[in-house]
Amino acid sequence: MIKKFGIALLCASLGNTAYASEVVNSQTFLGIEVASTEVQGEQPSNTSDDFSYGLRFGAQNGQWRTMIGFNYYDSGEHNVEKLILSVDYFFLKYDDMEGNMLQPYIGVNTGYMNYEQGIIDESGFLYGGQVGVVLNIMEKVDFDVGYRYSLSNADALDHTSDVLLGINYHF
């Protein structure tokens, strides 16, 4: 049920006509991310923490950001590759006196993952949400600090949790 709700929310966000009219005025970006990641297998005792790394590509305007990303995690015990589509909504905008802009966001994510642990090699879908802030400190560069939580429909993987730092270059 939660999975169906997440997919419906994502489709509603993408199908919103206000969002569609804003896509023309959006900026594309390319970025990288580093995250402190927790991976929990089917049992709570089957948990590992390490760093993950990723690439991202997307478009954003003043209200919305749509992004596709690839994230790789390998702790030695667990290995997870994720292909994630996320849609974020910027709900506030704050400009300081030096022209820097701080924008908090909330969003949903869905994607596909491959999970490996020992002899287990399983693939499945991911879905979840994220929150964070984007700090635009230069005209074409912004920093992203956030938290992403994703559940899995795979039997061997329960969820992943990322505290991430990203940098995006707008072109």
N, C-alpha and C. Protein backbone atom coordinates (compact mmCIF):
# COMPACT_ATOMS: atom_id res chain seq x y z
N MET A 1 0.82 -1.19 0.00
CA MET A 1 0.00 0.00 0.00
C MET A 1 0.87 1.26 0.00
N ILE A 2 1.92 1.29 0.84
CA ILE A 2 2.79 2.46 0.89
C ILE A 2 3.47 2.65 -0.46
N LYS A 3 3.86 1.55 -1.09
CA LYS A 3 4.51 1.63 -2.40
C LYS A 3 3.55 2.24 -3.43
N LYS A 4 2.31 1.80 -3.43
CA LYS A 4 1.33 2.34 -4.38
C LYS A 4 1.08 3.82 -4.12
N PHE A 5 1.03 4.21 -2.85
CA PHE A 5 0.84 5.62 -2.51
C PHE A 5 2.01 6.46 -2.99
N GLY A 6 3.24 5.97 -2.80
CA GLY A 6 4.43 6.69 -3.25
C GLY A 6 4.47 6.86 -4.75
N ILE A 7 4.13 5.81 -5.48
CA ILE A 7 4.12 5.88 -6.94
C ILE A 7 3.02 6.84 -7.41
N ALA A 8 1.86 6.79 -6.77
CA ALA A 8 0.78 7.71 -7.13
C ALA A 8 1.17 9.16 -6.86
N LEU A 9 1.85 9.41 -5.75
CA LEU A 9 2.31 10.76 -5.42
C LEU A 9 3.33 11.25 -6.44
N LEU A 10 4.24 10.37 -6.84
CA LEU A 10 5.23 10.72 -7.85
C LEU A 10 4.56 11.05 -9.18
N CYS A 11 3.62 10.24 -9.60
CA CYS A 11 2.91 10.49 -10.87
C CYS A 11 2.11 11.79 -10.81
N ALA A 12 1.49 12.05 -9.67
CA ALA A 12 0.74 13.30 -9.52
C ALA A 12 1.67 14.50 -9.61
N SER A 13 2.85 14.39 -9.01
CA SER A 13 3.82 15.49 -9.07
C SER A 13 4.28 15.73 -10.49
N LEU A 14 4.57 14.64 -11.21
CA LEU A 14 5.05 14.78 -12.58
C LEU A 14 3.94 15.26 -13.51
N GLY A 15 2.70 14.91 -13.22
CA GLY A 15 1.60 15.28 -14.09
C GLY A 15 0.99 16.63 -13.80
N ASN A 16 1.43 17.31 -12.78
CA ASN A 16 0.88 18.60 -12.41
C ASN A 16 1.12 19.62 -13.52
N THR A 17 0.08 20.27 -14.01
CA THR A 17 0.24 21.21 -15.12
C THR A 17 1.07 22.43 -14.73
N ALA A 18 0.99 22.85 -13.48
CA ALA A 18 1.84 23.97 -13.05
C ALA A 18 3.30 23.58 -13.14
N TYR A 19 3.60 22.35 -12.77
CA TYR A 19 4.97 21.87 -12.87
C TYR A 19 5.39 21.77 -14.33
N ALA A 20 4.53 21.26 -15.18
CA ALA A 20 4.85 21.08 -16.60
C ALA A 20 5.16 22.42 -17.27
N SER A 21 4.43 23.46 -16.93
CA SER A 21 4.70 24.76 -17.54
C SER A 21 6.02 25.36 -17.07
N GLU A 22 6.47 24.98 -15.88
CA GLU A 22 7.73 25.49 -15.34
C GLU A 22 8.95 24.76 -15.89
N VAL A 23 8.77 23.56 -16.46
CA VAL A 23 9.90 22.78 -16.96
C VAL A 23 10.68 23.55 -18.01
N VAL A 24 9.97 24.33 -18.84
CA VAL A 24 10.62 25.10 -19.89
C VAL A 24 11.62 26.09 -19.32
N ASN A 25 11.36 26.63 -18.14
CA ASN A 25 12.23 27.63 -17.53
C ASN A 25 13.25 27.03 -16.56
N SER A 26 13.43 25.73 -16.56
CA SER A 26 14.33 25.11 -15.60
C SER A 26 15.77 25.05 -16.11
N GLN A 27 16.70 24.89 -15.17
CA GLN A 27 18.12 24.73 -15.47
C GLN A 27 18.49 23.27 -15.29
N THR A 28 19.27 22.74 -16.21
CA THR A 28 19.78 21.38 -16.03
C THR A 28 21.05 21.43 -15.19
N PHE A 29 21.34 20.32 -14.54
CA PHE A 29 22.54 20.26 -13.72
C PHE A 29 23.12 18.85 -13.75
N LEU A 30 24.39 18.80 -13.42
CA LEU A 30 25.13 17.56 -13.27
C LEU A 30 25.83 17.63 -11.93
N GLY A 31 25.81 16.55 -11.15
CA GLY A 31 26.39 16.63 -9.82
C GLY A 31 26.93 15.31 -9.31
N ILE A 32 27.56 15.40 -8.16
CA ILE A 32 28.07 14.23 -7.45
C ILE A 32 27.54 14.27 -6.02
N GLU A 33 27.51 13.10 -5.37
CA GLU A 33 27.09 13.05 -3.98
C GLU A 33 27.93 12.05 -3.22
N VAL A 34 28.12 12.33 -1.95
CA VAL A 34 28.77 11.43 -0.99
C VAL A 34 27.80 11.32 0.17
N ALA A 35 27.59 10.08 0.65
CA ALA A 35 26.61 9.88 1.71
C ALA A 35 27.13 8.92 2.76
N SER A 36 26.74 9.17 3.98
CA SER A 36 26.91 8.20 5.05
C SER A 36 25.66 7.32 5.00
N THR A 37 25.85 6.05 4.66
CA THR A 37 24.73 5.17 4.35
C THR A 37 24.61 4.04 5.33
N GLU A 38 23.37 3.75 5.71
CA GLU A 38 23.06 2.57 6.50
C GLU A 38 22.22 1.65 5.63
N VAL A 39 22.62 0.39 5.56
CA VAL A 39 21.88 -0.63 4.82
C VAL A 39 21.42 -1.67 5.81
N GLN A 40 20.11 -1.95 5.82
CA GLN A 40 19.58 -2.98 6.71
C GLN A 40 19.00 -4.10 5.88
N GLY A 41 19.50 -5.30 6.10
CA GLY A 41 19.00 -6.48 5.42
C GLY A 41 17.67 -6.91 6.01
N GLU A 42 17.31 -8.17 5.74
CA GLU A 42 16.01 -8.68 6.17
C GLU A 42 15.86 -8.75 7.69
N GLN A 43 16.97 -8.86 8.42
CA GLN A 43 16.94 -8.90 9.89
C GLN A 43 17.59 -7.62 10.43
N PRO A 44 17.07 -7.04 11.52
CA PRO A 44 17.68 -5.84 12.10
C PRO A 44 19.15 -6.02 12.48
N SER A 45 19.56 -7.24 12.81
CA SER A 45 20.95 -7.48 13.16
C SER A 45 21.86 -7.50 11.93
N ASN A 46 21.27 -7.51 10.75
CA ASN A 46 22.01 -7.55 9.49
C ASN A 46 22.12 -6.13 8.92
N THR A 47 22.83 -5.26 9.63
CA THR A 47 22.95 -3.85 9.27
C THR A 47 24.41 -3.48 9.11
N SER A 48 24.70 -2.61 8.12
CA SER A 48 26.06 -2.10 7.96
C SER A 48 26.01 -0.61 7.66
N ASP A 49 27.08 0.09 8.07
CA ASP A 49 27.22 1.53 7.85
C ASP A 49 28.54 1.78 7.14
N ASP A 50 28.50 2.61 6.10
CA ASP A 50 29.72 2.99 5.38
C ASP A 50 29.35 4.16 4.49
N PHE A 51 30.27 4.56 3.61
CA PHE A 51 30.01 5.66 2.69
C PHE A 51 29.57 5.13 1.33
N SER A 52 28.70 5.90 0.69
CA SER A 52 28.30 5.61 -0.68
C SER A 52 28.61 6.84 -1.53
N TYR A 53 28.69 6.61 -2.83
CA TYR A 53 29.06 7.66 -3.77
C TYR A 53 28.10 7.62 -4.93
N GLY A 54 27.85 8.78 -5.53
CA GLY A 54 26.90 8.78 -6.63
C GLY A 54 27.07 9.92 -7.59
N LEU A 55 26.42 9.75 -8.74
CA LEU A 55 26.31 10.77 -9.78
C LEU A 55 24.85 11.12 -9.93
N ARG A 56 24.57 12.36 -10.30
CA ARG A 56 23.19 12.81 -10.47
C ARG A 56 23.08 13.75 -11.67
N PHE A 57 21.92 13.70 -12.30
CA PHE A 57 21.61 14.57 -13.43
C PHE A 57 20.16 14.98 -13.29
N GLY A 58 19.87 16.27 -13.53
CA GLY A 58 18.50 16.69 -13.38
C GLY A 58 18.23 18.09 -13.87
N ALA A 59 17.06 18.58 -13.51
CA ALA A 59 16.63 19.93 -13.87
C ALA A 59 15.88 20.51 -12.67
N GLN A 60 16.02 21.83 -12.48
CA GLN A 60 15.30 22.48 -11.40
C GLN A 60 14.94 23.90 -11.78
N ASN A 61 13.90 24.37 -11.14
CA ASN A 61 13.49 25.77 -11.27
C ASN A 61 13.27 26.30 -9.86
N GLY A 62 12.54 27.37 -9.72
CA GLY A 62 12.35 27.98 -8.41
C GLY A 62 11.54 27.15 -7.43
N GLN A 63 10.70 26.22 -7.94
CA GLN A 63 9.84 25.44 -7.06
C GLN A 63 10.13 23.95 -7.05
N TRP A 64 10.60 23.39 -8.15
CA TRP A 64 10.72 21.95 -8.29
C TRP A 64 12.12 21.54 -8.74
N ARG A 65 12.49 20.32 -8.37
CA ARG A 65 13.72 19.69 -8.88
C ARG A 65 13.39 18.23 -9.18
N THR A 66 13.75 17.81 -10.38
CA THR A 66 13.61 16.42 -10.80
C THR A 66 15.01 15.92 -11.09
N MET A 67 15.33 14.73 -10.57
CA MET A 67 16.71 14.26 -10.66
C MET A 67 16.72 12.75 -10.83
N ILE A 68 17.67 12.28 -11.65
CA ILE A 68 17.95 10.85 -11.74
C ILE A 68 19.38 10.67 -11.26
N GLY A 69 19.60 9.65 -10.45
CA GLY A 69 20.93 9.45 -9.89
C GLY A 69 21.31 7.99 -9.80
N PHE A 70 22.60 7.75 -9.81
CA PHE A 70 23.15 6.42 -9.59
C PHE A 70 23.99 6.49 -8.33
N ASN A 71 23.77 5.57 -7.39
CA ASN A 71 24.46 5.55 -6.11
C ASN A 71 25.06 4.17 -5.88
N TYR A 72 26.32 4.14 -5.44
CA TYR A 72 27.03 2.87 -5.22
C TYR A 72 27.50 2.78 -3.77
N TYR A 73 27.20 1.66 -3.12
CA TYR A 73 27.57 1.41 -1.73
C TYR A 73 28.24 0.05 -1.63
N ASP A 74 29.42 -0.01 -0.97
CA ASP A 74 30.10 -1.28 -0.76
C ASP A 74 30.81 -1.22 0.59
N SER A 75 30.27 -1.95 1.56
CA SER A 75 30.87 -1.97 2.90
C SER A 75 31.76 -3.19 3.11
N GLY A 76 31.89 -4.05 2.11
CA GLY A 76 32.58 -5.31 2.29
C GLY A 76 31.59 -6.41 2.62
N GLU A 77 30.64 -6.10 3.50
CA GLU A 77 29.59 -7.05 3.87
C GLU A 77 28.39 -6.95 2.93
N HIS A 78 28.00 -5.72 2.61
CA HIS A 78 26.86 -5.46 1.71
C HIS A 78 27.33 -4.66 0.51
N ASN A 79 26.69 -4.87 -0.60
CA ASN A 79 26.93 -4.10 -1.82
C ASN A 79 25.57 -3.73 -2.40
N VAL A 80 25.34 -2.44 -2.60
CA VAL A 80 24.06 -1.98 -3.12
C VAL A 80 24.31 -0.96 -4.21
N GLU A 81 23.71 -1.18 -5.38
CA GLU A 81 23.70 -0.19 -6.45
C GLU A 81 22.26 0.27 -6.62
N LYS A 82 22.07 1.60 -6.66
CA LYS A 82 20.72 2.16 -6.77
C LYS A 82 20.64 3.12 -7.96
N LEU A 83 19.59 3.00 -8.74
CA LEU A 83 19.22 3.96 -9.77
C LEU A 83 17.94 4.61 -9.27
N ILE A 84 18.01 5.92 -8.98
CA ILE A 84 16.92 6.60 -8.27
C ILE A 84 16.39 7.78 -9.08
N LEU A 85 15.07 7.88 -9.17
CA LEU A 85 14.39 9.06 -9.71
C LEU A 85 13.76 9.78 -8.54
N SER A 86 14.05 11.06 -8.38
CA SER A 86 13.47 11.81 -7.27
C SER A 86 12.86 13.11 -7.77
N VAL A 87 11.81 13.53 -7.09
CA VAL A 87 11.13 14.80 -7.35
C VAL A 87 11.07 15.54 -6.03
N ASP A 88 11.62 16.76 -6.01
CA ASP A 88 11.66 17.56 -4.79
C ASP A 88 10.89 18.86 -4.98
N TYR A 89 10.27 19.31 -3.92
CA TYR A 89 9.54 20.58 -3.90
C TYR A 89 10.26 21.53 -2.97
N PHE A 90 10.66 22.71 -3.48
CA PHE A 90 11.28 23.75 -2.66
C PHE A 90 10.15 24.56 -2.02
N PHE A 91 10.02 24.47 -0.69
CA PHE A 91 8.86 25.10 -0.05
C PHE A 91 9.16 26.46 0.57
N LEU A 92 10.41 26.88 0.66
CA LEU A 92 10.78 28.21 1.15
C LEU A 92 11.98 28.69 0.36
N LYS A 93 12.19 29.99 0.39
CA LYS A 93 13.38 30.56 -0.22
C LYS A 93 13.88 31.66 0.69
N TYR A 94 15.18 31.62 1.02
CA TYR A 94 15.75 32.61 1.90
C TYR A 94 17.01 33.18 1.26
N ASP A 95 17.05 34.49 1.02
CA ASP A 95 18.24 35.16 0.49
C ASP A 95 18.92 35.91 1.63
N ASP A 96 20.24 35.69 1.78
CA ASP A 96 20.96 36.46 2.79
C ASP A 96 21.55 37.72 2.16
N MET A 97 22.27 38.50 2.93
CA MET A 97 22.76 39.80 2.46
C MET A 97 23.87 39.66 1.42
N GLU A 98 24.53 38.52 1.33
CA GLU A 98 25.60 38.33 0.36
C GLU A 98 25.09 37.71 -0.94
N GLY A 99 23.80 37.52 -1.08
CA GLY A 99 23.22 36.97 -2.31
C GLY A 99 23.12 35.46 -2.33
N ASN A 100 23.53 34.78 -1.26
CA ASN A 100 23.39 33.34 -1.20
C ASN A 100 21.93 32.97 -0.98
N MET A 101 21.49 31.89 -1.57
CA MET A 101 20.11 31.49 -1.44
C MET A 101 20.03 30.12 -0.77
N LEU A 102 19.21 30.00 0.24
CA LEU A 102 18.99 28.76 0.97
C LEU A 102 17.57 28.30 0.68
N GLN A 103 17.42 27.04 0.18
CA GLN A 103 16.11 26.53 -0.19
C GLN A 103 15.89 25.15 0.44
N PRO A 104 15.04 25.03 1.47
CA PRO A 104 14.69 23.71 1.98
C PRO A 104 13.77 22.98 1.00
N TYR A 105 13.85 21.65 1.01
CA TYR A 105 13.00 20.87 0.11
C TYR A 105 12.49 19.61 0.81
N ILE A 106 11.43 19.07 0.23
CA ILE A 106 10.88 17.78 0.63
C ILE A 106 10.54 17.06 -0.67
N GLY A 107 10.73 15.74 -0.70
CA GLY A 107 10.49 15.05 -1.95
C GLY A 107 10.24 13.56 -1.79
N VAL A 108 9.98 12.94 -2.93
CA VAL A 108 9.77 11.50 -3.01
C VAL A 108 10.79 10.90 -3.95
N ASN A 109 11.09 9.61 -3.75
CA ASN A 109 12.00 8.93 -4.65
C ASN A 109 11.48 7.53 -4.95
N THR A 110 11.86 7.05 -6.12
CA THR A 110 11.56 5.69 -6.53
C THR A 110 12.71 5.23 -7.41
N GLY A 111 12.90 3.95 -7.51
CA GLY A 111 14.01 3.48 -8.32
C GLY A 111 14.16 1.99 -8.31
N TYR A 112 15.32 1.55 -8.77
CA TYR A 112 15.65 0.14 -8.91
C TYR A 112 16.99 -0.10 -8.23
N MET A 113 17.16 -1.24 -7.57
CA MET A 113 18.39 -1.51 -6.86
C MET A 113 18.82 -2.95 -7.07
N ASN A 114 20.13 -3.16 -6.85
CA ASN A 114 20.69 -4.50 -6.81
C ASN A 114 21.41 -4.64 -5.47
N TYR A 115 21.10 -5.69 -4.72
CA TYR A 115 21.64 -5.93 -3.38
C TYR A 115 22.42 -7.23 -3.38
N GLU A 116 23.64 -7.18 -2.86
CA GLU A 116 24.47 -8.38 -2.75
C GLU A 116 25.01 -8.49 -1.33
N GLN A 117 24.91 -9.70 -0.79
CA GLN A 117 25.50 -10.02 0.51
C GLN A 117 25.83 -11.51 0.50
N GLY A 118 27.12 -11.82 0.50
CA GLY A 118 27.53 -13.21 0.45
C GLY A 118 27.01 -13.89 -0.80
N ILE A 119 26.20 -14.93 -0.64
CA ILE A 119 25.65 -15.63 -1.80
C ILE A 119 24.32 -15.02 -2.27
N ILE A 120 23.81 -14.05 -1.53
CA ILE A 120 22.55 -13.40 -1.91
C ILE A 120 22.83 -12.34 -2.97
N ASP A 121 22.09 -12.40 -4.06
CA ASP A 121 22.16 -11.40 -5.12
C ASP A 121 20.73 -11.16 -5.58
N GLU A 122 20.14 -10.04 -5.14
CA GLU A 122 18.73 -9.80 -5.39
C GLU A 122 18.51 -8.38 -5.90
N SER A 123 17.59 -8.23 -6.81
CA SER A 123 17.22 -6.92 -7.35
C SER A 123 15.77 -6.63 -7.02
N GLY A 124 15.43 -5.34 -7.01
CA GLY A 124 14.05 -4.96 -6.72
C GLY A 124 13.86 -3.47 -6.82
N PHE A 125 12.67 -3.03 -6.46
CA PHE A 125 12.33 -1.61 -6.52
C PHE A 125 12.53 -0.94 -5.17
N LEU A 126 12.83 0.36 -5.22
CA LEU A 126 12.96 1.21 -4.05
C LEU A 126 11.90 2.30 -4.11
N TYR A 127 11.49 2.78 -2.95
CA TYR A 127 10.58 3.93 -2.88
C TYR A 127 10.75 4.56 -1.52
N GLY A 128 10.61 5.86 -1.45
CA GLY A 128 10.76 6.54 -0.17
C GLY A 128 10.66 8.04 -0.30
N GLY A 129 11.31 8.73 0.62
CA GLY A 129 11.25 10.18 0.65
C GLY A 129 12.57 10.79 1.07
N GLN A 130 12.66 12.10 0.92
CA GLN A 130 13.86 12.82 1.32
C GLN A 130 13.51 14.25 1.73
N VAL A 131 14.38 14.81 2.57
CA VAL A 131 14.30 16.20 2.99
C VAL A 131 15.71 16.76 2.99
N GLY A 132 15.81 18.08 2.86
CA GLY A 132 17.13 18.69 2.90
C GLY A 132 17.09 20.16 2.56
N VAL A 133 18.26 20.73 2.35
CA VAL A 133 18.40 22.13 1.95
C VAL A 133 19.42 22.23 0.83
N VAL A 134 19.17 23.17 -0.07
CA VAL A 134 20.10 23.50 -1.14
C VAL A 134 20.62 24.90 -0.85
N LEU A 135 21.94 25.05 -0.88
CA LEU A 135 22.58 26.34 -0.67
C LEU A 135 23.25 26.75 -1.97
N ASN A 136 22.75 27.81 -2.59
CA ASN A 136 23.30 28.32 -3.84
C ASN A 136 24.30 29.41 -3.49
N ILE A 137 25.60 29.09 -3.57
CA ILE A 137 26.62 30.06 -3.19
C ILE A 137 27.31 30.71 -4.38
N MET A 138 27.13 30.15 -5.57
CA MET A 138 27.68 30.74 -6.79
C MET A 138 26.57 30.69 -7.84
N GLU A 139 26.75 31.41 -8.93
CA GLU A 139 25.72 31.47 -9.95
C GLU A 139 25.40 30.10 -10.54
N LYS A 140 26.39 29.25 -10.75
CA LYS A 140 26.18 27.97 -11.40
C LYS A 140 26.44 26.75 -10.52
N VAL A 141 26.75 26.97 -9.24
CA VAL A 141 27.08 25.87 -8.34
C VAL A 141 26.23 25.96 -7.08
N ASP A 142 25.66 24.80 -6.67
CA ASP A 142 24.98 24.77 -5.39
C ASP A 142 25.36 23.50 -4.62
N PHE A 143 25.19 23.58 -3.31
CA PHE A 143 25.45 22.46 -2.41
C PHE A 143 24.13 21.95 -1.89
N ASP A 144 24.07 20.65 -1.68
CA ASP A 144 22.85 19.99 -1.24
C ASP A 144 23.19 19.14 -0.02
N VAL A 145 22.50 19.38 1.09
CA VAL A 145 22.64 18.57 2.29
C VAL A 145 21.26 17.99 2.57
N GLY A 146 21.18 16.65 2.69
CA GLY A 146 19.87 16.06 2.86
C GLY A 146 19.89 14.69 3.50
N TYR A 147 18.69 14.18 3.71
CA TYR A 147 18.47 12.85 4.25
C TYR A 147 17.50 12.12 3.32
N ARG A 148 17.86 10.91 2.88
CA ARG A 148 17.02 10.10 1.98
C ARG A 148 16.79 8.74 2.62
N TYR A 149 15.54 8.32 2.69
CA TYR A 149 15.16 7.02 3.23
C TYR A 149 14.41 6.27 2.15
N SER A 150 14.86 5.04 1.86
CA SER A 150 14.23 4.25 0.80
C SER A 150 13.95 2.84 1.30
N LEU A 151 12.71 2.41 1.14
CA LEU A 151 12.30 1.05 1.43
C LEU A 151 12.47 0.21 0.18
N SER A 152 12.57 -1.11 0.35
CA SER A 152 12.76 -2.01 -0.79
C SER A 152 11.68 -3.08 -0.79
N ASN A 153 11.32 -3.54 -1.99
CA ASN A 153 10.38 -4.66 -2.07
C ASN A 153 11.11 -5.99 -2.14
N ALA A 154 12.44 -5.99 -2.12
CA ALA A 154 13.23 -7.23 -2.14
C ALA A 154 13.14 -7.92 -0.78
N ASP A 155 13.16 -9.22 -0.79
CA ASP A 155 13.08 -9.99 0.46
C ASP A 155 14.32 -9.82 1.32
N ALA A 156 15.49 -9.71 0.70
CA ALA A 156 16.74 -9.68 1.45
C ALA A 156 17.10 -8.28 1.98
N LEU A 157 16.54 -7.22 1.42
CA LEU A 157 16.87 -5.84 1.82
C LEU A 157 15.62 -5.15 2.35
N ASP A 158 15.71 -4.61 3.56
CA ASP A 158 14.59 -3.89 4.15
C ASP A 158 14.59 -2.43 3.72
N HIS A 159 15.71 -1.71 4.01
CA HIS A 159 15.76 -0.29 3.66
C HIS A 159 17.20 0.20 3.58
N THR A 160 17.35 1.38 2.98
CA THR A 160 18.61 2.12 3.02
C THR A 160 18.31 3.51 3.54
N SER A 161 19.29 4.09 4.21
CA SER A 161 19.15 5.41 4.79
C SER A 161 20.44 6.19 4.50
N ASP A 162 20.32 7.37 3.88
CA ASP A 162 21.48 8.15 3.47
C ASP A 162 21.42 9.56 4.07
N VAL A 163 22.52 9.98 4.68
CA VAL A 163 22.73 11.39 5.01
C VAL A 163 23.74 11.87 3.99
N LEU A 164 23.31 12.76 3.09
CA LEU A 164 24.13 13.04 1.92
C LEU A 164 24.55 14.48 1.79
N LEU A 165 25.67 14.64 1.10
CA LEU A 165 26.21 15.94 0.73
C LEU A 165 26.45 15.88 -0.77
N GLY A 166 25.83 16.80 -1.50
CA GLY A 166 25.98 16.83 -2.96
C GLY A 166 26.43 18.19 -3.44
N ILE A 167 27.03 18.20 -4.60
CA ILE A 167 27.40 19.44 -5.27
C ILE A 167 26.93 19.33 -6.70
N ASN A 168 26.25 20.39 -7.18
CA ASN A 168 25.66 20.39 -8.52
C ASN A 168 26.20 21.55 -9.33
N TYR A 169 26.48 21.30 -10.59
CA TYR A 169 26.89 22.33 -11.53
C TYR A 169 25.75 22.54 -12.53
N HIS A 170 25.23 23.77 -12.60
CA HIS A 170 24.11 24.11 -13.49
C HIS A 170 24.66 24.63 -14.83
N PHE A 171 24.05 24.15 -15.90
CA PHE A 171 24.46 24.62 -17.24
C PHE A 171 23.25 24.86 -18.11
